[in-house]
Amino acid sequence: MLTTLWLLLSLAVPVPGFYTPISCPRGQKCQLALLSGNDVLLDCPFLKAYWYYHYSLSKEGWLIRPSEISNIKVTSQGNLAISSPLPSQTGVYFCWEEGNTEVTQFEIDFQNINFLYVTHNGLNEMPLQNESLHVGSKAFIFTRWEPWQVCNRCGVPGERKRLGYCYIEEPQEKPMSCGLYLRDQKLPHTRLRPEMQVEACLVPCEHSKEMDQPQFIYDYSQLGKLTDNLWLDCPLASIYRPVSWEANNTPLTWQNELSGKNLHSTLDIPSGGRQLQIFQPAIYRCFVEQEVVAQFNPLGALKPKEPQTRENKTQEPVSKTLSIPLWLKLLPFVGTVLVLGLLLLKTLSPLSGKSRNRTLLVK
């Protein structure tokens, strides 16, 4: 009973997450592109930080307190934690210390993760090509790539990814991320999207560089809830970190995902693989930066079913519980009450006729 209650309580508490730290030199203005839907932590170099942000890039925008927004919080260290940032939260974030005129600015373009374009070199897929854009002056759209992340596994075949952001460049001008360049203009252009490129890799393990990350064990077998599918969330994972999954020691790769071969699971593209939708019981493990951080055992919570098609696997999951008659649901409760009543009568019966009082302890 205690184990079941602990499991229910642990599921009610959010899975430990990872906020990607973003820093900017003291008193400087930093311009960067990030992805919506993925948590970030803006570092303020001042001891007692005050935060404001210009929520709109149009001239009619104004400053408001981030604390007034549900997904933006100021930490005890004075940093700004943004959970699942929205594309509409593209703007300028200011931090400064009281009585100090020196201000650090983060001009951030949160590019829409739902438009992420994913390719895999093993499938001979090509990234997006440069395209022209006419918005008053001639410019072209291109992808600015970040460096490749490290391989998500070591000692065995793995994969690595790199993220690319939409940028626009005019002749004789510095490139600017698409959201900051276009500001409040809405253009129906299919090239205005971020990218993720994946390729296979194989690297040896370097034990001296192990991160020694904590491990989490999630056992769903005692919850008594039967569903068609579950979403698993890998703790400490982020699209900005190397992440991988395996089912019964079999890797769930991006190459198989993009080619439709992960028949009983779906790697979630918007989270960069941090989340996994499963349709079949197995022992699932997730790795972050080559280390296993969590194991999931849904053997008693999943109802086996046919794998969904590629088109249906990307839809939002709909949980379905097993329909049980009301009298059958109440049967365990009624039985428990009857058993406790019989035990109570049996315990109290020897006490009749005896002058000595006794205390009954119910644990």
Protein backbone atom coordinates (compact mmCIF):
# COMPACT_ATOMS: atom_id res chain seq x y z
CA MET A 1 0.00 0.00 0.00
CA LEU A 2 2.77 2.44 0.95
CA THR A 3 4.66 1.63 -2.24
CA THR A 4 1.59 2.35 -4.36
CA LEU A 5 0.95 5.66 -2.59
CA TRP A 6 4.60 6.67 -3.04
CA LEU A 7 4.40 5.89 -6.74
CA LEU A 8 1.24 7.93 -7.16
CA LEU A 9 2.84 10.82 -5.29
CA SER A 10 6.00 10.64 -7.38
CA LEU A 11 3.95 10.83 -10.58
CA ALA A 12 2.16 13.92 -9.28
CA VAL A 13 5.49 15.71 -8.78
CA PRO A 14 7.08 17.04 -11.99
CA VAL A 15 9.96 14.99 -13.34
CA PRO A 16 13.28 16.75 -12.63
CA GLY A 17 14.08 18.90 -15.63
CA PHE A 18 17.11 20.66 -17.04
CA TYR A 19 17.33 24.38 -17.74
CA THR A 20 19.93 25.22 -20.37
CA PRO A 21 22.06 28.06 -18.94
CA ILE A 22 22.47 31.15 -21.14
CA SER A 23 24.99 33.83 -20.15
CA CYS A 24 25.92 37.28 -21.44
CA PRO A 25 28.90 39.42 -20.29
CA ARG A 26 28.17 42.09 -17.72
CA GLY A 27 26.73 45.23 -19.27
CA GLN A 28 26.63 43.75 -22.78
CA LYS A 29 23.83 43.06 -25.28
CA CYS A 30 23.71 39.49 -26.59
CA GLN A 31 21.60 38.45 -29.55
CA LEU A 32 20.80 34.77 -29.99
CA ALA A 33 18.29 32.28 -31.36
CA LEU A 34 16.80 29.47 -29.27
CA LEU A 35 13.97 26.97 -29.61
CA SER A 36 10.52 27.40 -28.15
CA GLY A 37 9.21 24.74 -25.79
CA ASN A 38 12.62 24.03 -24.25
CA ASP A 39 13.54 25.42 -20.82
CA VAL A 40 16.35 27.97 -20.51
CA LEU A 41 17.96 29.86 -17.63
CA LEU A 42 19.16 33.42 -18.30
CA ASP A 43 22.10 34.24 -16.08
CA CYS A 44 22.24 37.75 -14.58
CA PRO A 45 25.73 38.85 -13.46
CA PHE A 46 24.36 41.17 -10.77
CA LEU A 47 23.94 40.16 -7.14
CA LYS A 48 20.42 41.57 -6.68
CA ALA A 49 18.88 41.26 -10.10
CA TYR A 50 15.84 43.04 -11.44
CA TRP A 51 14.29 41.67 -14.61
CA TYR A 52 12.05 43.19 -17.26
CA TYR A 53 11.46 42.30 -20.85
CA HIS A 54 10.09 43.96 -23.94
CA TYR A 55 7.45 41.38 -24.83
CA SER A 56 6.87 42.70 -28.34
CA LEU A 57 9.42 43.73 -30.93
CA SER A 58 7.07 46.25 -32.51
CA LYS A 59 7.36 49.93 -31.63
CA GLU A 60 4.15 49.67 -29.61
CA GLY A 61 5.71 47.20 -27.19
CA TRP A 62 6.36 47.99 -23.54
CA LEU A 63 8.14 46.65 -20.50
CA ILE A 64 6.39 44.40 -18.03
CA ARG A 65 7.55 42.40 -15.03
CA PRO A 66 8.42 38.78 -15.88
CA SER A 67 6.96 37.70 -12.52
CA GLU A 68 3.54 38.47 -13.97
CA ILE A 69 3.95 35.63 -16.48
CA SER A 70 3.24 32.05 -15.43
CA ASN A 71 6.19 30.40 -17.19
CA ILE A 72 8.82 32.98 -16.15
CA LYS A 73 10.31 32.97 -12.64
CA VAL A 74 13.22 34.73 -10.95
CA THR A 75 15.34 32.21 -9.03
CA SER A 76 16.81 32.77 -5.59
CA GLN A 77 20.18 33.42 -7.29
CA GLY A 78 18.63 36.19 -9.39
CA ASN A 79 18.58 34.27 -12.67
CA LEU A 80 15.55 34.10 -14.97
CA ALA A 81 14.03 30.63 -15.49
CA ILE A 82 11.80 30.35 -18.57
CA SER A 83 9.77 27.14 -18.83
CA SER A 84 8.59 26.09 -22.30
CA PRO A 85 9.10 29.54 -23.85
CA LEU A 86 6.63 30.53 -26.55
CA PRO A 87 7.55 31.97 -29.97
CA SER A 88 5.53 35.03 -28.94
CA GLN A 89 7.99 35.59 -26.08
CA THR A 90 10.68 36.60 -28.54
CA GLY A 91 12.02 39.92 -27.33
CA VAL A 92 14.61 41.74 -25.24
CA TYR A 93 15.22 40.63 -21.65
CA PHE A 94 16.93 43.13 -19.33
CA CYS A 95 18.64 42.46 -16.02
CA TRP A 96 20.30 45.04 -13.77
CA GLU A 97 21.20 45.70 -10.16
CA GLU A 98 19.39 48.31 -8.10
CA GLY A 99 21.21 51.64 -8.25
CA ASN A 100 23.38 50.44 -11.15
CA THR A 101 22.97 51.91 -14.62
CA GLU A 102 24.85 49.02 -16.23
CA VAL A 103 22.35 46.71 -17.90
CA THR A 104 22.80 43.25 -19.45
CA GLN A 105 20.44 42.49 -22.33
CA PHE A 106 19.38 39.23 -23.92
CA GLU A 107 17.75 39.74 -27.30
CA ILE A 108 16.27 36.31 -27.92
CA ASP A 109 14.41 34.83 -30.87
CA PHE A 110 12.44 31.78 -29.69
CA GLN A 111 11.95 29.98 -32.99
CA ASN A 112 8.89 27.75 -33.30
CA ILE A 113 9.80 24.18 -32.38
CA ASN A 114 6.66 22.87 -34.10
CA PHE A 115 8.21 23.82 -37.44
CA LEU A 116 11.49 22.01 -36.72
CA TYR A 117 12.84 20.39 -39.90
CA VAL A 118 14.65 17.12 -39.11
CA THR A 119 17.02 15.25 -41.43
CA HIS A 120 19.30 12.22 -41.03
CA ASN A 121 22.51 11.75 -43.00
CA GLY A 122 22.01 7.98 -42.95
CA LEU A 123 18.80 8.44 -44.95
CA ASN A 124 20.49 10.70 -47.51
CA GLU A 125 18.27 13.59 -46.47
CA MET A 126 19.43 17.12 -47.21
CA PRO A 127 19.04 20.16 -44.94
CA LEU A 128 17.13 23.20 -46.15
CA GLN A 129 18.79 25.22 -48.90
CA ASN A 130 19.33 28.98 -48.93
CA GLU A 131 16.44 30.97 -50.39
CA SER A 132 15.84 34.57 -51.40
CA LEU A 133 13.53 36.81 -49.42
CA HIS A 134 12.11 40.14 -50.54
CA VAL A 135 10.90 42.35 -47.71
CA GLY A 136 11.66 45.87 -48.95
CA SER A 137 15.24 44.96 -49.77
CA LYS A 138 16.86 41.88 -51.23
CA ALA A 139 17.94 39.36 -48.62
CA PHE A 140 18.39 35.62 -48.33
CA ILE A 141 17.40 33.07 -45.73
CA PHE A 142 19.92 30.53 -44.48
CA THR A 143 20.52 28.20 -41.53
CA ARG A 144 23.18 29.04 -38.97
CA TRP A 145 24.34 25.76 -37.49
CA GLU A 146 25.57 25.13 -33.96
CA PRO A 147 28.48 22.69 -33.45
CA TRP A 148 27.70 18.99 -33.38
CA GLN A 149 26.76 17.68 -29.96
CA VAL A 150 28.77 14.75 -28.62
CA CYS A 151 27.63 11.24 -29.50
CA ASN A 152 24.67 10.20 -27.34
CA ARG A 153 26.22 6.78 -26.61
CA CYS A 154 29.74 5.50 -26.14
CA GLY A 155 31.19 2.05 -26.73
CA VAL A 156 28.19 1.15 -28.92
CA PRO A 157 26.73 2.71 -32.10
CA GLY A 158 25.00 5.98 -31.32
CA GLU A 159 23.87 9.21 -32.94
CA ARG A 160 24.73 12.85 -32.63
CA LYS A 161 22.75 15.92 -33.59
CA ARG A 162 23.22 19.59 -34.27
CA LEU A 163 20.70 22.40 -34.19
CA GLY A 164 20.29 25.07 -36.84
CA TYR A 165 18.47 28.39 -36.61
CA CYS A 166 16.77 30.46 -39.28
CA TYR A 167 18.76 33.60 -40.17
CA ILE A 168 18.34 36.39 -42.70
CA GLU A 169 21.17 38.41 -44.21
CA GLU A 170 21.09 41.57 -46.30
CA PRO A 171 24.03 42.74 -48.45
CA GLN A 172 26.57 44.66 -46.35
CA GLU A 173 24.65 43.87 -43.14
CA LYS A 174 25.22 41.43 -40.31
CA PRO A 175 22.97 38.34 -40.30
CA MET A 176 20.04 38.44 -37.90
CA SER A 177 17.79 35.63 -36.70
CA CYS A 178 14.51 35.47 -38.58
CA GLY A 179 12.26 36.42 -35.68
CA LEU A 180 14.35 39.44 -34.71
CA TYR A 181 14.68 40.53 -38.35
CA LEU A 182 10.99 40.26 -39.23
CA ARG A 183 9.78 41.53 -35.84
CA ASP A 184 5.99 41.54 -35.98
CA GLN A 185 5.74 40.81 -39.71
CA LYS A 186 3.99 37.55 -40.58
CA LEU A 187 5.27 35.98 -43.79
CA PRO A 188 3.85 32.69 -45.14
CA HIS A 189 7.30 31.40 -46.05
CA THR A 190 8.07 27.70 -45.57
CA ARG A 191 11.82 28.38 -45.24
CA LEU A 192 11.38 30.33 -41.98
CA ARG A 193 12.03 27.40 -39.64
CA PRO A 194 14.74 25.89 -37.42
CA GLU A 195 16.45 22.59 -38.20
CA MET A 196 17.91 19.52 -36.54
CA GLN A 197 20.39 17.30 -38.37
CA VAL A 198 21.33 13.80 -37.12
CA GLU A 199 24.05 11.35 -38.08
CA ALA A 200 25.42 8.03 -36.82
CA CYS A 201 28.51 7.97 -34.59
CA LEU A 202 30.70 5.54 -32.68
CA VAL A 203 33.06 6.74 -29.95
CA PRO A 204 34.93 4.97 -27.13
CA CYS A 205 33.92 5.56 -23.53
CA GLU A 206 36.09 7.91 -21.49
CA HIS A 207 35.45 7.05 -17.86
CA SER A 208 37.41 10.08 -16.69
CA LYS A 209 34.74 12.33 -18.23
CA GLU A 210 31.71 10.61 -16.75
CA MET A 211 29.19 13.11 -15.39
CA ASP A 212 28.04 10.90 -12.50
CA GLN A 213 24.41 11.91 -13.04
CA PRO A 214 21.69 10.55 -10.70
CA GLN A 215 19.52 7.64 -11.74
CA PHE A 216 15.74 7.55 -11.45
CA ILE A 217 13.66 4.37 -11.35
CA TYR A 218 9.97 4.56 -12.30
CA ASP A 219 7.90 1.43 -11.64
CA TYR A 220 4.38 1.63 -13.06
CA SER A 221 3.50 -2.01 -12.47
CA GLN A 222 1.56 -1.42 -9.22
CA LEU A 223 -0.58 1.51 -10.29
CA GLY A 224 -3.39 -0.64 -11.65
CA LYS A 225 -4.12 1.73 -14.54
CA LEU A 226 -4.38 0.18 -17.98
CA THR A 227 -3.78 2.50 -20.95
CA ASP A 228 -3.08 2.20 -24.67
CA ASN A 229 0.00 4.41 -24.51
CA LEU A 230 2.23 6.35 -22.15
CA TRP A 231 4.51 9.35 -22.44
CA LEU A 232 7.88 8.90 -20.75
CA ASP A 233 9.93 11.97 -19.85
CA CYS A 234 13.69 11.57 -19.47
CA PRO A 235 14.91 13.48 -16.39
CA LEU A 236 17.71 16.04 -16.89
CA ALA A 237 17.29 15.79 -20.67
CA SER A 238 17.00 18.67 -23.13
CA ILE A 239 17.10 19.18 -26.88
CA TYR A 240 20.37 21.02 -26.21
CA ARG A 241 21.94 17.85 -24.69
CA PRO A 242 22.71 14.41 -26.17
CA VAL A 243 19.78 12.08 -25.38
CA SER A 244 19.00 8.49 -26.34
CA TRP A 245 16.51 5.75 -25.49
CA GLU A 246 16.48 1.97 -25.57
CA ALA A 247 13.74 -0.65 -25.13
CA ASN A 248 14.81 -4.04 -23.74
CA ASN A 249 18.43 -3.09 -24.57
CA THR A 250 17.49 -2.26 -28.19
CA PRO A 251 18.36 1.35 -29.21
CA LEU A 252 15.52 3.57 -30.41
CA THR A 253 17.31 5.65 -33.02
CA TRP A 254 16.37 8.77 -34.95
CA GLN A 255 17.15 6.93 -38.16
CA ASN A 256 14.52 4.29 -37.40
CA GLU A 257 12.12 6.97 -36.18
CA LEU A 258 12.33 9.05 -39.34
CA SER A 259 12.05 5.95 -41.53
CA GLY A 260 9.05 4.62 -39.58
CA LYS A 261 10.83 1.59 -38.08
CA ASN A 262 10.29 2.42 -34.39
CA LEU A 263 7.02 0.50 -34.53
CA HIS A 264 6.04 0.51 -30.86
CA SER A 265 7.32 3.92 -29.81
CA THR A 266 7.72 7.51 -30.98
CA LEU A 267 10.63 9.83 -30.28
CA ASP A 268 9.13 13.24 -29.70
CA ILE A 269 10.58 15.73 -32.21
CA PRO A 270 9.65 19.01 -30.43
CA SER A 271 11.49 17.90 -27.28
CA GLY A 272 14.48 16.58 -29.23
CA GLY A 273 13.87 13.07 -27.93
CA ARG A 274 13.47 14.05 -24.27
CA GLN A 275 9.99 12.51 -24.39
CA LEU A 276 9.08 9.07 -25.70
CA GLN A 277 5.58 7.81 -26.47
CA ILE A 278 5.29 4.04 -26.00
CA PHE A 279 2.64 1.55 -27.09
CA GLN A 280 4.15 -1.75 -25.92
CA PRO A 281 5.37 -3.03 -22.52
CA ALA A 282 9.17 -3.20 -22.19
CA ILE A 283 11.97 -1.99 -19.97
CA TYR A 284 12.84 1.50 -21.21
CA ARG A 285 16.02 3.34 -20.32
CA CYS A 286 17.13 6.82 -21.27
CA PHE A 287 20.67 8.20 -21.49
CA VAL A 288 21.84 11.80 -21.15
CA GLU A 289 25.38 12.64 -22.26
CA GLN A 290 26.14 8.90 -22.60
CA GLU A 291 25.01 8.03 -19.05
CA VAL A 292 21.84 6.19 -18.09
CA VAL A 293 19.71 8.47 -15.93
CA ALA A 294 16.33 6.70 -15.76
CA GLN A 295 14.63 3.34 -16.15
CA PHE A 296 10.90 2.90 -16.73
CA ASN A 297 8.95 -0.30 -16.09
CA PRO A 298 5.41 0.05 -17.53
CA LEU A 299 4.77 -3.71 -17.64
CA GLY A 300 1.62 -3.50 -15.53
CA ALA A 301 0.32 -0.23 -16.94
CA LEU A 302 0.27 -0.80 -20.68
CA LYS A 303 -2.29 -2.73 -22.67
CA PRO A 304 -0.62 -4.35 -25.72
CA LYS A 305 -1.98 -3.06 -29.01
CA GLU A 306 -1.01 -2.79 -32.63
CA PRO A 307 1.57 -0.07 -33.31
CA GLN A 308 0.20 3.13 -34.78
CA THR A 309 1.03 4.31 -38.25
CA ARG A 310 3.61 7.01 -38.78
CA GLU A 311 0.91 9.64 -39.32
CA ASN A 312 -0.94 8.83 -36.11
CA LYS A 313 2.15 8.57 -33.93
CA THR A 314 2.74 12.31 -33.95
CA GLN A 315 -0.68 13.17 -32.58
CA GLU A 316 -1.30 14.08 -28.97
CA PRO A 317 -1.79 10.95 -26.86
CA VAL A 318 -5.26 10.21 -25.56
CA SER A 319 -5.34 8.15 -22.36
CA LYS A 320 -8.03 5.50 -22.18
CA THR A 321 -8.92 3.71 -18.95
CA LEU A 322 -10.51 0.30 -18.78
CA SER A 323 -14.30 0.52 -18.27
CA ILE A 324 -15.28 -1.29 -15.04
CA PRO A 325 -18.80 -1.51 -13.58
CA LEU A 326 -19.38 0.59 -10.46
CA TRP A 327 -20.28 -2.40 -8.27
CA LEU A 328 -17.02 -4.09 -9.25
CA LYS A 329 -15.02 -0.96 -8.38
CA LEU A 330 -16.64 -0.89 -4.89
CA LEU A 331 -16.13 -4.62 -4.27
CA PRO A 332 -12.54 -4.33 -2.86
CA PHE A 333 -13.65 -1.51 -0.55
CA VAL A 334 -16.66 -3.46 0.76
CA GLY A 335 -14.52 -6.55 1.26
CA THR A 336 -11.91 -4.58 3.19
CA VAL A 337 -14.60 -3.13 5.50
CA LEU A 338 -16.06 -6.60 6.20
CA VAL A 339 -12.63 -8.08 6.99
CA LEU A 340 -11.76 -5.22 9.35
CA GLY A 341 -15.16 -5.58 11.05
CA LEU A 342 -14.66 -9.31 11.62
CA LEU A 343 -11.16 -8.75 12.99
CA LEU A 344 -12.46 -6.06 15.33
CA LEU A 345 -15.22 -8.32 16.69
CA LYS A 346 -12.77 -11.16 17.15
CA THR A 347 -10.41 -8.89 19.07
CA LEU A 348 -13.05 -7.38 21.33
CA SER A 349 -14.90 -10.61 22.16
CA PRO A 350 -12.32 -11.91 24.72
CA LEU A 351 -12.59 -8.61 26.56
CA SER A 352 -16.19 -9.16 27.67
CA GLY A 353 -16.52 -10.12 31.35
CA LYS A 354 -13.00 -8.95 32.19
CA SER A 355 -12.53 -5.99 34.49
CA ARG A 356 -9.13 -4.98 33.06
CA ASN A 357 -9.17 -2.35 30.31
CA ARG A 358 -7.14 -2.87 27.18
CA THR A 359 -6.10 -0.53 24.36
CA LEU A 360 -6.51 -1.64 20.74
CA LEU A 361 -3.78 -0.35 18.43
CA VAL A 362 -4.69 -0.20 14.76
CA LYS A 363 -1.70 0.22 12.49
